[in-house]
Amino acid sequence: MDTILPQEEKEYIFKKVFEITEYTALDKEDQLRYEEDLKIFRDYLNTLDTAVAKGRKEGKEEGLKEGKEEGLKEGVKKKALETVQKALKLGLPVEQISLLTGLTIEEIEKVKREL
């Protein structure tokens, strides 16, 4: 059965055969140097891959932490605004609401205008 390979595979195989031929043409000392250089290069690539993976992991963790903190702040602010609305409906003075919620008088007046 004849198998026809795509051009890319043919080129890849030819390149590999050429590399093997070049390697076997080297004397033993050059082969050892080549292998050592290849090992150093692979170690370097692995170091880069590890650093990238570590950086991504740290970035993701930091992003999640910041997202949680931001979400918590937004939740606290939303709850304070809900409290302002209830307090205004009960007729409490703006200054008292400010003391209870920690919001500024301006923020409370804005909520009051929106009611």
PDB file of N, CA and C in Angstrom:
ATOM      1  N   MET A   1       0.848  -1.184   0.000  1.00  0.00           N
ATOM      2  CA  MET A   1       0.000   0.000   0.000  1.00  0.00           C
ATOM      3  C   MET A   1       0.890   1.243   0.000  1.00  0.00           C
ATOM      4  N   ASP A   2       0.702   2.094  -0.957  1.00  0.00           N
ATOM      5  CA  ASP A   2       1.471   3.334  -1.076  1.00  0.00           C
ATOM      6  C   ASP A   2       0.818   4.424  -0.240  1.00  0.00           C
ATOM      7  N   THR A   3       1.634   5.104   0.561  1.00  0.00           N
ATOM      8  CA  THR A   3       1.121   6.207   1.368  1.00  0.00           C
ATOM      9  C   THR A   3       1.697   7.503   0.829  1.00  0.00           C
ATOM     10  N   ILE A   4       0.828   8.441   0.564  1.00  0.00           N
ATOM     11  CA  ILE A   4       1.274   9.747   0.083  1.00  0.00           C
ATOM     12  C   ILE A   4       1.231  10.705   1.261  1.00  0.00           C
ATOM     13  N   LEU A   5       2.391  11.278   1.575  1.00  0.00           N
ATOM     14  CA  LEU A   5       2.498  12.204   2.704  1.00  0.00           C
ATOM     15  C   LEU A   5       2.289  13.645   2.249  1.00  0.00           C
ATOM     16  N   PRO A   6       1.667  14.446   3.085  1.00  0.00           N
ATOM     17  CA  PRO A   6       1.562  15.870   2.764  1.00  0.00           C
ATOM     18  C   PRO A   6       2.946  16.503   2.689  1.00  0.00           C
ATOM     19  N   GLN A   7       3.055  17.599   1.983  1.00  0.00           N
ATOM     20  CA  GLN A   7       4.343  18.260   1.763  1.00  0.00           C
ATOM     21  C   GLN A   7       5.007  18.640   3.095  1.00  0.00           C
ATOM     22  N   GLU A   8       4.233  19.117   4.062  1.00  0.00           N
ATOM     23  CA  GLU A   8       4.800  19.520   5.356  1.00  0.00           C
ATOM     24  C   GLU A   8       5.479  18.352   6.053  1.00  0.00           C
ATOM     25  N   GLU A   9       4.836  17.183   6.023  1.00  0.00           N
ATOM     26  CA  GLU A   9       5.424  16.003   6.648  1.00  0.00           C
ATOM     27  C   GLU A   9       6.686  15.560   5.914  1.00  0.00           C
ATOM     28  N   LYS A  10       6.663  15.635   4.609  1.00  0.00           N
ATOM     29  CA  LYS A  10       7.860  15.278   3.831  1.00  0.00           C
ATOM     30  C   LYS A  10       9.024  16.190   4.208  1.00  0.00           C
ATOM     31  N   GLU A  11       8.736  17.493   4.307  1.00  0.00           N
ATOM     32  CA  GLU A  11       9.784  18.448   4.661  1.00  0.00           C
ATOM     33  C   GLU A  11      10.303  18.192   6.067  1.00  0.00           C
ATOM     34  N   TYR A  12       9.395  17.875   6.991  1.00  0.00           N
ATOM     35  CA  TYR A  12       9.797  17.597   8.375  1.00  0.00           C
ATOM     36  C   TYR A  12      10.701  16.371   8.426  1.00  0.00           C
ATOM     37  N   ILE A  13      10.301  15.305   7.720  1.00  0.00           N
ATOM     38  CA  ILE A  13      11.099  14.076   7.702  1.00  0.00           C
ATOM     39  C   ILE A  13      12.459  14.334   7.066  1.00  0.00           C
ATOM     40  N   PHE A  14      12.470  15.055   5.954  1.00  0.00           N
ATOM     41  CA  PHE A  14      13.734  15.370   5.290  1.00  0.00           C
ATOM     42  C   PHE A  14      14.655  16.168   6.222  1.00  0.00           C
ATOM     43  N   LYS A  15      14.065  17.132   6.919  1.00  0.00           N
ATOM     44  CA  LYS A  15      14.853  17.954   7.852  1.00  0.00           C
ATOM     45  C   LYS A  15      15.445  17.086   8.958  1.00  0.00           C
ATOM     46  N   LYS A  16      14.650  16.161   9.498  1.00  0.00           N
ATOM     47  CA  LYS A  16      15.133  15.276  10.562  1.00  0.00           C
ATOM     48  C   LYS A  16      16.267  14.380  10.056  1.00  0.00           C
ATOM     49  N   VAL A  17      16.082  13.814   8.887  1.00  0.00           N
ATOM     50  CA  VAL A  17      17.132  12.957   8.304  1.00  0.00           C
ATOM     51  C   VAL A  17      18.405  13.770   8.100  1.00  0.00           C
ATOM     52  N   PHE A  18      18.258  14.992   7.624  1.00  0.00           N
ATOM     53  CA  PHE A  18      19.415  15.870   7.414  1.00  0.00           C
ATOM     54  C   PHE A  18      20.122  16.158   8.736  1.00  0.00           C
ATOM     55  N   GLU A  19      19.343  16.435   9.792  1.00  0.00           N
ATOM     56  CA  GLU A  19      19.931  16.710  11.110  1.00  0.00           C
ATOM     57  C   GLU A  19      20.691  15.489  11.636  1.00  0.00           C
ATOM     58  N   ILE A  20      20.095  14.312  11.462  1.00  0.00           N
ATOM     59  CA  ILE A  20      20.758  13.087  11.922  1.00  0.00           C
ATOM     60  C   ILE A  20      22.053  12.870  11.145  1.00  0.00           C
ATOM     61  N   THR A  21      22.006  13.105   9.843  1.00  0.00           N
ATOM     62  CA  THR A  21      23.198  12.954   9.009  1.00  0.00           C
ATOM     63  C   THR A  21      24.288  13.924   9.441  1.00  0.00           C
ATOM     64  N   GLU A  22      23.896  15.168   9.700  1.00  0.00           N
ATOM     65  CA  GLU A  22      24.884  16.150  10.171  1.00  0.00           C
ATOM     66  C   GLU A  22      25.483  15.722  11.503  1.00  0.00           C
ATOM     67  N   TYR A  23      24.636  15.230  12.408  1.00  0.00           N
ATOM     68  CA  TYR A  23      25.089  14.819  13.741  1.00  0.00           C
ATOM     69  C   TYR A  23      26.072  13.658  13.635  1.00  0.00           C
ATOM     70  N   THR A  24      25.730  12.651  12.823  1.00  0.00           N
ATOM     71  CA  THR A  24      26.603  11.479  12.720  1.00  0.00           C
ATOM     72  C   THR A  24      27.910  11.802  11.997  1.00  0.00           C
ATOM     73  N   ALA A  25      27.918  12.895  11.234  1.00  0.00           N
ATOM     74  CA  ALA A  25      29.143  13.298  10.547  1.00  0.00           C
ATOM     75  C   ALA A  25      30.128  13.972  11.510  1.00  0.00           C
ATOM     76  N   LEU A  26      29.648  14.406  12.664  1.00  0.00           N
ATOM     77  CA  LEU A  26      30.524  15.050  13.647  1.00  0.00           C
ATOM     78  C   LEU A  26      31.403  14.005  14.323  1.00  0.00           C
ATOM     79  N   ASP A  27      32.613  14.440  14.756  1.00  0.00           N
ATOM     80  CA  ASP A  27      33.428  13.518  15.531  1.00  0.00           C
ATOM     81  C   ASP A  27      32.856  13.427  16.950  1.00  0.00           C
ATOM     82  N   LYS A  28      33.304  12.473  17.731  1.00  0.00           N
ATOM     83  CA  LYS A  28      32.732  12.215  19.062  1.00  0.00           C
ATOM     84  C   LYS A  28      32.771  13.441  19.958  1.00  0.00           C
ATOM     85  N   GLU A  29      33.851  14.171  19.921  1.00  0.00           N
ATOM     86  CA  GLU A  29      33.974  15.366  20.768  1.00  0.00           C
ATOM     87  C   GLU A  29      32.930  16.420  20.402  1.00  0.00           C
ATOM     88  N   ASP A  30      32.740  16.641  19.116  1.00  0.00           N
ATOM     89  CA  ASP A  30      31.725  17.602  18.663  1.00  0.00           C
ATOM     90  C   ASP A  30      30.311  17.104  18.960  1.00  0.00           C
ATOM     91  N   GLN A  31      30.100  15.802  18.859  1.00  0.00           N
ATOM     92  CA  GLN A  31      28.794  15.244  19.216  1.00  0.00           C
ATOM     93  C   GLN A  31      28.484  15.504  20.701  1.00  0.00           C
ATOM     94  N   LEU A  32      29.477  15.309  21.556  1.00  0.00           N
ATOM     95  CA  LEU A  32      29.290  15.564  22.990  1.00  0.00           C
ATOM     96  C   LEU A  32      28.996  17.043  23.246  1.00  0.00           C
ATOM     97  N   ARG A  33      29.739  17.931  22.555  1.00  0.00           N
ATOM     98  CA  ARG A  33      29.484  19.363  22.687  1.00  0.00           C
ATOM     99  C   ARG A  33      28.073  19.725  22.208  1.00  0.00           C
ATOM    100  N   TYR A  34      27.688  19.128  21.096  1.00  0.00           N
ATOM    101  CA  TYR A  34      26.349  19.371  20.550  1.00  0.00           C
ATOM    102  C   TYR A  34      25.280  18.920  21.549  1.00  0.00           C
ATOM    103  N   GLU A  35      25.450  17.734  22.104  1.00  0.00           N
ATOM    104  CA  GLU A  35      24.484  17.218  23.079  1.00  0.00           C
ATOM    105  C   GLU A  35      24.423  18.101  24.316  1.00  0.00           C
ATOM    106  N   GLU A  36      25.577  18.583  24.774  1.00  0.00           N
ATOM    107  CA  GLU A  36      25.606  19.468  25.947  1.00  0.00           C
ATOM    108  C   GLU A  36      24.914  20.794  25.633  1.00  0.00           C
ATOM    109  N   ASP A  37      25.190  21.347  24.453  1.00  0.00           N
ATOM    110  CA  ASP A  37      24.519  22.590  24.051  1.00  0.00           C
ATOM    111  C   ASP A  37      23.004  22.389  23.935  1.00  0.00           C
ATOM    112  N   LEU A  38      22.624  21.250  23.383  1.00  0.00           N
ATOM    113  CA  LEU A  38      21.210  20.941  23.253  1.00  0.00           C
ATOM    114  C   LEU A  38      20.557  20.814  24.626  1.00  0.00           C
ATOM    115  N   LYS A  39      21.241  20.191  25.571  1.00  0.00           N
ATOM    116  CA  LYS A  39      20.732  20.057  26.938  1.00  0.00           C
ATOM    117  C   LYS A  39      20.575  21.438  27.584  1.00  0.00           C
ATOM    118  N   ILE A  40      21.575  22.285  27.408  1.00  0.00           N
ATOM    119  CA  ILE A  40      21.504  23.638  27.970  1.00  0.00           C
ATOM    120  C   ILE A  40      20.325  24.404  27.366  1.00  0.00           C
ATOM    121  N   PHE A  41      20.156  24.278  26.064  1.00  0.00           N
ATOM    122  CA  PHE A  41      19.048  24.958  25.389  1.00  0.00           C
ATOM    123  C   PHE A  41      17.703  24.456  25.905  1.00  0.00           C
ATOM    124  N   ARG A  42      17.550  23.152  26.040  1.00  0.00           N
ATOM    125  CA  ARG A  42      16.288  22.580  26.551  1.00  0.00           C
ATOM    126  C   ARG A  42      16.038  23.009  27.998  1.00  0.00           C
ATOM    127  N   ASP A  43      17.096  23.028  28.811  1.00  0.00           N
ATOM    128  CA  ASP A  43      16.957  23.501  30.194  1.00  0.00           C
ATOM    129  C   ASP A  43      16.496  24.954  30.221  1.00  0.00           C
ATOM    130  N   TYR A  44      17.068  25.757  29.324  1.00  0.00           N
ATOM    131  CA  TYR A  44      16.684  27.169  29.226  1.00  0.00           C
ATOM    132  C   TYR A  44      15.204  27.304  28.861  1.00  0.00           C
ATOM    133  N   LEU A  45      14.753  26.536  27.876  1.00  0.00           N
ATOM    134  CA  LEU A  45      13.341  26.569  27.479  1.00  0.00           C
ATOM    135  C   LEU A  45      12.433  26.136  28.623  1.00  0.00           C
ATOM    136  N   ASN A  46      12.850  25.095  29.342  1.00  0.00           N
ATOM    137  CA  ASN A  46      12.054  24.634  30.494  1.00  0.00           C
ATOM    138  C   ASN A  46      11.998  25.697  31.583  1.00  0.00           C
ATOM    139  N   THR A  47      13.106  26.394  31.796  1.00  0.00           N
ATOM    140  CA  THR A  47      13.137  27.466  32.791  1.00  0.00           C
ATOM    141  C   THR A  47      12.171  28.583  32.394  1.00  0.00           C
ATOM    142  N   LEU A  48      12.190  28.947  31.116  1.00  0.00           N
ATOM    143  CA  LEU A  48      11.263  29.974  30.629  1.00  0.00           C
ATOM    144  C   LEU A  48       9.810  29.529  30.778  1.00  0.00           C
ATOM    145  N   ASP A  49       9.519  28.291  30.399  1.00  0.00           N
ATOM    146  CA  ASP A  49       8.157  27.768  30.521  1.00  0.00           C
ATOM    147  C   ASP A  49       7.693  27.785  31.970  1.00  0.00           C
ATOM    148  N   THR A  50       8.585  27.393  32.874  1.00  0.00           N
ATOM    149  CA  THR A  50       8.252  27.388  34.297  1.00  0.00           C
ATOM    150  C   THR A  50       7.997  28.804  34.796  1.00  0.00           C
ATOM    151  N   ALA A  51       8.832  29.741  34.386  1.00  0.00           N
ATOM    152  CA  ALA A  51       8.658  31.133  34.807  1.00  0.00           C
ATOM    153  C   ALA A  51       7.341  31.711  34.288  1.00  0.00           C
ATOM    154  N   VAL A  52       7.009  31.414  33.054  1.00  0.00           N
ATOM    155  CA  VAL A  52       5.759  31.896  32.469  1.00  0.00           C
ATOM    156  C   VAL A  52       4.567  31.300  33.228  1.00  0.00           C
ATOM    157  N   ALA A  53       4.621  30.002  33.490  1.00  0.00           N
ATOM    158  CA  ALA A  53       3.526  29.338  34.205  1.00  0.00           C
ATOM    159  C   ALA A  53       3.373  29.919  35.610  1.00  0.00           C
ATOM    160  N   LYS A  54       4.502  30.152  36.267  1.00  0.00           N
ATOM    161  CA  LYS A  54       4.473  30.728  37.622  1.00  0.00           C
ATOM    162  C   LYS A  54       3.894  32.145  37.585  1.00  0.00           C
ATOM    163  N   GLY A  55       4.302  32.922  36.597  1.00  0.00           N
ATOM    164  CA  GLY A  55       3.801  34.289  36.455  1.00  0.00           C
ATOM    165  C   GLY A  55       2.300  34.311  36.197  1.00  0.00           C
ATOM    166  N   ARG A  56       1.833  33.412  35.370  1.00  0.00           N
ATOM    167  CA  ARG A  56       0.388  33.327  35.094  1.00  0.00           C
ATOM    168  C   ARG A  56      -0.377  32.958  36.355  1.00  0.00           C
ATOM    169  N   LYS A  57       0.156  31.983  37.097  1.00  0.00           N
ATOM    170  CA  LYS A  57      -0.509  31.531  38.329  1.00  0.00           C
ATOM    171  C   LYS A  57      -0.584  32.676  39.333  1.00  0.00           C
ATOM    172  N   GLU A  58       0.546  33.372  39.523  1.00  0.00           N
ATOM    173  CA  GLU A  58       0.568  34.492  40.462  1.00  0.00           C
ATOM    174  C   GLU A  58      -0.373  35.608  40.014  1.00  0.00           C
ATOM    175  N   GLY A  59      -0.391  35.880  38.712  1.00  0.00           N
ATOM    176  CA  GLY A  59      -1.282  36.914  38.183  1.00  0.00           C
ATOM    177  C   GLY A  59      -2.746  36.557  38.392  1.00  0.00           C
ATOM    178  N   LYS A  60      -3.058  35.301  38.169  1.00  0.00           N
ATOM    179  CA  LYS A  60      -4.441  34.844  38.356  1.00  0.00           C
ATOM    180  C   LYS A  60      -4.843  34.966  39.821  1.00  0.00           C
ATOM    181  N   GLU A  61      -3.955  34.530  40.721  1.00  0.00           N
ATOM    182  CA  GLU A  61      -4.249  34.609  42.154  1.00  0.00           C
ATOM    183  C   GLU A  61      -4.432  36.063  42.593  1.00  0.00           C
ATOM    184  N   GLU A  62      -3.557  36.928  42.101  1.00  0.00           N
ATOM    185  CA  GLU A  62      -3.655  38.347  42.451  1.00  0.00           C
ATOM    186  C   GLU A  62      -4.949  38.950  41.911  1.00  0.00           C
ATOM    187  N   GLY A  63      -5.300  38.598  40.690  1.00  0.00           N
ATOM    188  CA  GLY A  63      -6.536  39.096  40.089  1.00  0.00           C
ATOM    189  C   GLY A  63      -7.767  38.639  40.857  1.00  0.00           C
ATOM    190  N   LEU A  64      -7.768  37.378  41.276  1.00  0.00           N
ATOM    191  CA  LEU A  64      -8.892  36.866  42.063  1.00  0.00           C
ATOM    192  C   LEU A  64      -9.001  37.599  43.398  1.00  0.00           C
ATOM    193  N   LYS A  65      -7.849  37.814  44.020  1.00  0.00           N
ATOM    194  CA  LYS A  65      -7.841  38.517  45.309  1.00  0.00           C
ATOM    195  C   LYS A  65      -8.385  39.939  45.152  1.00  0.00           C
ATOM    196  N   GLU A  66      -7.888  40.637  44.129  1.00  0.00           N
ATOM    197  CA  GLU A  66      -8.355  42.003  43.884  1.00  0.00           C
ATOM    198  C   GLU A  66      -9.844  42.023  43.542  1.00  0.00           C
ATOM    199  N   GLY A  67     -10.282  41.039  42.773  1.00  0.00           N
ATOM    200  CA  GLY A  67     -11.691  40.954  42.405  1.00  0.00           C
ATOM    201  C   GLY A  67     -12.582  40.738  43.619  1.00  0.00           C
ATOM    202  N   LYS A  68     -12.133  39.875  44.525  1.00  0.00           N
ATOM    203  CA  LYS A  68     -12.898  39.631  45.747  1.00  0.00           C
ATOM    204  C   LYS A  68     -12.976  40.893  46.598  1.00  0.00           C
ATOM    205  N   GLU A  69     -11.832  41.568  46.738  1.00  0.00           N
ATOM    206  CA  GLU A  69     -11.805  42.795  47.540  1.00  0.00           C
ATOM    207  C   GLU A  69     -12.729  43.856  46.939  1.00  0.00           C
ATOM    208  N   GLU A  70     -12.659  43.996  45.624  1.00  0.00           N
ATOM    209  CA  GLU A  70     -13.494  44.987  44.939  1.00  0.00           C
ATOM    210  C   GLU A  70     -14.974  44.627  45.068  1.00  0.00           C
ATOM    211  N   GLY A  71     -15.276  43.353  44.923  1.00  0.00           N
ATOM    212  CA  GLY A  71     -16.655  42.895  45.064  1.00  0.00           C
ATOM    213  C   GLY A  71     -17.187  43.130  46.463  1.00  0.00           C
ATOM    214  N   LEU A  72     -16.340  42.890  47.445  1.00  0.00           N
ATOM    215  CA  LEU A  72     -16.732  43.114  48.835  1.00  0.00           C
ATOM    216  C   LEU A  72     -17.015  44.591  49.082  1.00  0.00           C
ATOM    217  N   LYS A  73     -16.132  45.457  48.555  1.00  0.00           N
ATOM    218  CA  LYS A  73     -16.341  46.906  48.709  1.00  0.00           C
ATOM    219  C   LYS A  73     -17.656  47.338  48.055  1.00  0.00           C
ATOM    220  N   GLU A  74     -17.909  46.807  46.863  1.00  0.00           N
ATOM    221  CA  GLU A  74     -19.152  47.151  46.160  1.00  0.00           C
ATOM    222  C   GLU A  74     -20.366  46.673  46.937  1.00  0.00           C
ATOM    223  N   GLY A  75     -20.260  45.481  47.520  1.00  0.00           N
ATOM    224  CA  GLY A  75     -21.357  44.932  48.307  1.00  0.00           C
ATOM    225  C   GLY A  75     -21.645  45.772  49.540  1.00  0.00           C
ATOM    226  N   VAL A  76     -20.578  46.210  50.211  1.00  0.00           N
ATOM    227  CA  VAL A  76     -20.732  47.058  51.403  1.00  0.00           C
ATOM    228  C   VAL A  76     -21.375  48.379  51.009  1.00  0.00           C
ATOM    229  N   LYS A  77     -20.916  48.945  49.902  1.00  0.00           N
ATOM    230  CA  LYS A  77     -21.471  50.224  49.430  1.00  0.00           C
ATOM    231  C   LYS A  77     -22.950  50.061  49.074  1.00  0.00           C
ATOM    232  N   LYS A  78     -23.286  48.972  48.393  1.00  0.00           N
ATOM    233  CA  LYS A  78     -24.676  48.735  48.002  1.00  0.00           C
ATOM    234  C   LYS A  78     -25.557  48.606  49.242  1.00  0.00           C
ATOM    235  N   LYS A  79     -25.076  47.870  50.235  1.00  0.00           N
ATOM    236  CA  LYS A  79     -25.852  47.692  51.462  1.00  0.00           C
ATOM    237  C   LYS A  79     -26.034  49.031  52.180  1.00  0.00           C
ATOM    238  N   ALA A  80     -24.986  49.853  52.185  1.00  0.00           N
ATOM    239  CA  ALA A  80     -25.088  51.171  52.817  1.00  0.00           C
ATOM    240  C   ALA A  80     -26.131  52.030  52.095  1.00  0.00           C
ATOM    241  N   LEU A  81     -26.158  51.972  50.781  1.00  0.00           N
ATOM    242  CA  LEU A  81     -27.140  52.748  50.016  1.00  0.00           C
ATOM    243  C   LEU A  81     -28.564  52.258  50.274  1.00  0.00           C
ATOM    244  N   GLU A  82     -28.713  50.942  50.413  1.00  0.00           N
ATOM    245  CA  GLU A  82     -30.032  50.396  50.761  1.00  0.00           C
ATOM    246  C   GLU A  82     -30.471  50.894  52.140  1.00  0.00           C
ATOM    247  N   THR A  83     -29.520  50.932  53.071  1.00  0.00           N
ATOM    248  CA  THR A  83     -29.812  51.425  54.425  1.00  0.00           C
ATOM    249  C   THR A  83     -30.205  52.893  54.377  1.00  0.00           C
ATOM    250  N   VAL A  84     -29.516  53.670  53.533  1.00  0.00           N
ATOM    251  CA  VAL A  84     -29.841  55.091  53.372  1.00  0.00           C
ATOM    252  C   VAL A  84     -31.285  55.241  52.894  1.00  0.00           C
ATOM    253  N   GLN A  85     -31.668  54.465  51.898  1.00  0.00           N
ATOM    254  CA  GLN A  85     -33.035  54.550  51.374  1.00  0.00           C
ATOM    255  C   GLN A  85     -34.062  54.259  52.470  1.00  0.00           C
ATOM    256  N   LYS A  86     -33.820  53.221  53.255  1.00  0.00           N
ATOM    257  CA  LYS A  86     -34.756  52.866  54.327  1.00  0.00           C
ATOM    258  C   LYS A  86     -34.806  53.959  55.389  1.00  0.00           C
ATOM    259  N   ALA A  87     -33.622  54.466  55.740  1.00  0.00           N
ATOM    260  CA  ALA A  87     -33.560  55.499  56.776  1.00  0.00           C
ATOM    261  C   ALA A  87     -34.254  56.778  56.313  1.00  0.00           C
ATOM    262  N   LEU A  88     -34.089  57.133  55.048  1.00  0.00           N
ATOM    263  CA  LEU A  88     -34.763  58.325  54.514  1.00  0.00           C
ATOM    264  C   LEU A  88     -36.284  58.139  54.533  1.00  0.00           C
ATOM    265  N   LYS A  89     -36.721  56.933  54.203  1.00  0.00           N
ATOM    266  CA  LYS A  89     -38.163  56.656  54.209  1.00  0.00           C
ATOM    267  C   LYS A  89     -38.732  56.728  55.629  1.00  0.00           C
ATOM    268  N   LEU A  90     -37.864  56.414  56.601  1.00  0.00           N
ATOM    269  CA  LEU A  90     -38.300  56.512  58.000  1.00  0.00           C
ATOM    270  C   LEU A  90     -38.242  57.948  58.525  1.00  0.00           C
ATOM    271  N   GLY A  91     -37.630  58.835  57.736  1.00  0.00           N
ATOM    272  CA  GLY A  91     -37.579  60.240  58.104  1.00  0.00           C
ATOM    273  C   GLY A  91     -36.397  60.626  58.976  1.00  0.00           C
ATOM    274  N   LEU A  92     -35.370  59.806  59.019  1.00  0.00           N
ATOM    275  CA  LEU A  92     -34.181  60.144  59.819  1.00  0.00           C
ATOM    276  C   LEU A  92     -33.428  61.299  59.173  1.00  0.00           C
ATOM    277  N   PRO A  93     -32.802  62.153  59.995  1.00  0.00           N
ATOM    278  CA  PRO A  93     -32.021  63.275  59.451  1.00  0.00           C
ATOM    279  C   PRO A  93     -30.791  62.761  58.682  1.00  0.00           C
ATOM    280  N   VAL A  94     -30.407  63.503  57.667  1.00  0.00           N
ATOM    281  CA  VAL A  94     -29.270  63.149  56.809  1.00  0.00           C
ATOM    282  C   VAL A  94     -27.992  62.976  57.626  1.00  0.00           C
ATOM    283  N   GLU A  95     -27.765  63.850  58.599  1.00  0.00           N
ATOM    284  CA  GLU A  95     -26.553  63.779  59.420  1.00  0.00           C
ATOM    285  C   GLU A  95     -26.501  62.467  60.197  1.00  0.00           C
ATOM    286  N   GLN A  96     -27.640  62.031  60.713  1.00  0.00           N
ATOM    287  CA  GLN A  96     -27.698  60.782  61.462  1.00  0.00           C
ATOM    288  C   GLN A  96     -27.441  59.592  60.540  1.00  0.00           C
ATOM    289  N   ILE A  97     -28.023  59.636  59.373  1.00  0.00           N
ATOM    290  CA  ILE A  97     -27.817  58.561  58.394  1.00  0.00           C
ATOM    291  C   ILE A  97     -26.340  58.476  58.028  1.00  0.00           C
ATOM    292  N   SER A  98     -25.695  59.623  57.894  1.00  0.00           N
ATOM    293  CA  SER A  98     -24.264  59.665  57.571  1.00  0.00           C
ATOM    294  C   SER A  98     -23.450  58.984  58.662  1.00  0.00           C
ATOM    295  N   LEU A  99     -23.792  59.255  59.909  1.00  0.00           N
ATOM    296  CA  LEU A  99     -23.088  58.626  61.027  1.00  0.00           C
ATOM    297  C   LEU A  99     -23.310  57.110  61.037  1.00  0.00           C
ATOM    298  N   LEU A 100     -24.516  56.680  60.733  1.00  0.00           N
ATOM    299  CA  LEU A 100     -24.837  55.249  60.756  1.00  0.00           C
ATOM    300  C   LEU A 100     -24.180  54.473  59.614  1.00  0.00           C
ATOM    301  N   THR A 101     -24.145  55.068  58.437  1.00  0.00           N
ATOM    302  CA  THR A 101     -23.686  54.337  57.239  1.00  0.00           C
ATOM    303  C   THR A 101     -22.236  54.589  56.872  1.00  0.00           C
ATOM    304  N   GLY A 102     -21.688  55.714  57.336  1.00  0.00           N
ATOM    305  CA  GLY A 102     -20.322  56.060  56.936  1.00  0.00           C
ATOM    306  C   GLY A 102     -20.257  56.750  55.587  1.00  0.00           C
ATOM    307  N   LEU A 103     -21.418  56.991  54.977  1.00  0.00           N
ATOM    308  CA  LEU A 103     -21.451  57.700  53.694  1.00  0.00           C
ATOM    309  C   LEU A 103     -21.441  59.202  53.946  1.00  0.00           C
ATOM    310  N   THR A 104     -20.998  59.941  52.936  1.00  0.00           N
ATOM    311  CA  THR A 104     -20.974  61.390  53.066  1.00  0.00           C
ATOM    312  C   THR A 104     -22.387  61.949  52.925  1.00  0.00           C
ATOM    313  N   ILE A 105     -22.566  63.155  53.425  1.00  0.00           N
ATOM    314  CA  ILE A 105     -23.859  63.832  53.309  1.00  0.00           C
ATOM    315  C   ILE A 105     -24.219  64.009  51.844  1.00  0.00           C
ATOM    316  N   GLU A 106     -23.210  64.306  50.998  1.00  0.00           N
ATOM    317  CA  GLU A 106     -23.454  64.478  49.569  1.00  0.00           C
ATOM    318  C   GLU A 106     -24.005  63.185  48.947  1.00  0.00           C
ATOM    319  N   GLU A 107     -23.426  62.037  49.331  1.00  0.00           N
ATOM    320  CA  GLU A 107     -23.902  60.763  48.801  1.00  0.00           C
ATOM    321  C   GLU A 107     -25.354  60.499  49.233  1.00  0.00           C
ATOM    322  N   ILE A 108     -25.647  60.848  50.465  1.00  0.00           N
ATOM    323  CA  ILE A 108     -27.004  60.636  50.988  1.00  0.00           C
ATOM    324  C   ILE A 108     -27.992  61.583  50.296  1.00  0.00           C
ATOM    325  N   GLU A 109     -27.574  62.824  50.083  1.00  0.00           N
ATOM    326  CA  GLU A 109     -28.451  63.783  49.384  1.00  0.00           C
ATOM    327  C   GLU A 109     -28.726  63.298  47.963  1.00  0.00           C
ATOM    328  N   LYS A 110     -27.749  62.712  47.331  1.00  0.00           N
ATOM    329  CA  LYS A 110     -27.941  62.194  45.975  1.00  0.00           C
ATOM    330  C   LYS A 110     -28.998  61.088  45.975  1.00  0.00           C
ATOM    331  N   VAL A 111     -28.907  60.180  46.948  1.00  0.00           N
ATOM    332  CA  VAL A 111     -29.890  59.107  47.063  1.00  0.00           C
ATOM    333  C   VAL A 111     -31.271  59.698  47.320  1.00  0.00           C
ATOM    334  N   LYS A 112     -31.307  60.725  48.159  1.00  0.00           N
ATOM    335  CA  LYS A 112     -32.566  61.379  48.510  1.00  0.00           C
ATOM    336  C   LYS A 112     -33.221  61.985  47.262  1.00  0.00           C
ATOM    337  N   ARG A 113     -32.412  62.595  46.376  1.00  0.00           N
ATOM    338  CA  ARG A 113     -32.956  63.190  45.145  1.00  0.00           C
ATOM    339  C   ARG A 113     -33.491  62.121  44.192  1.00  0.00           C
ATOM    340  N   GLU A 114     -32.872  60.937  44.227  1.00  0.00           N
ATOM    341  CA  GLU A 114     -33.265  59.856  43.327  1.00  0.00           C
ATOM    342  C   GLU A 114     -34.527  59.130  43.787  1.00  0.00           C
ATOM    343  N   LEU A 115     -34.894  59.314  45.053  1.00  0.00           N
ATOM    344  CA  LEU A 115     -36.115  58.645  45.571  1.00  0.00           C
ATOM    345  C   LEU A 115     -37.372  59.220  45.031  1.00  0.00           C
TER     346      LEU A 115
END
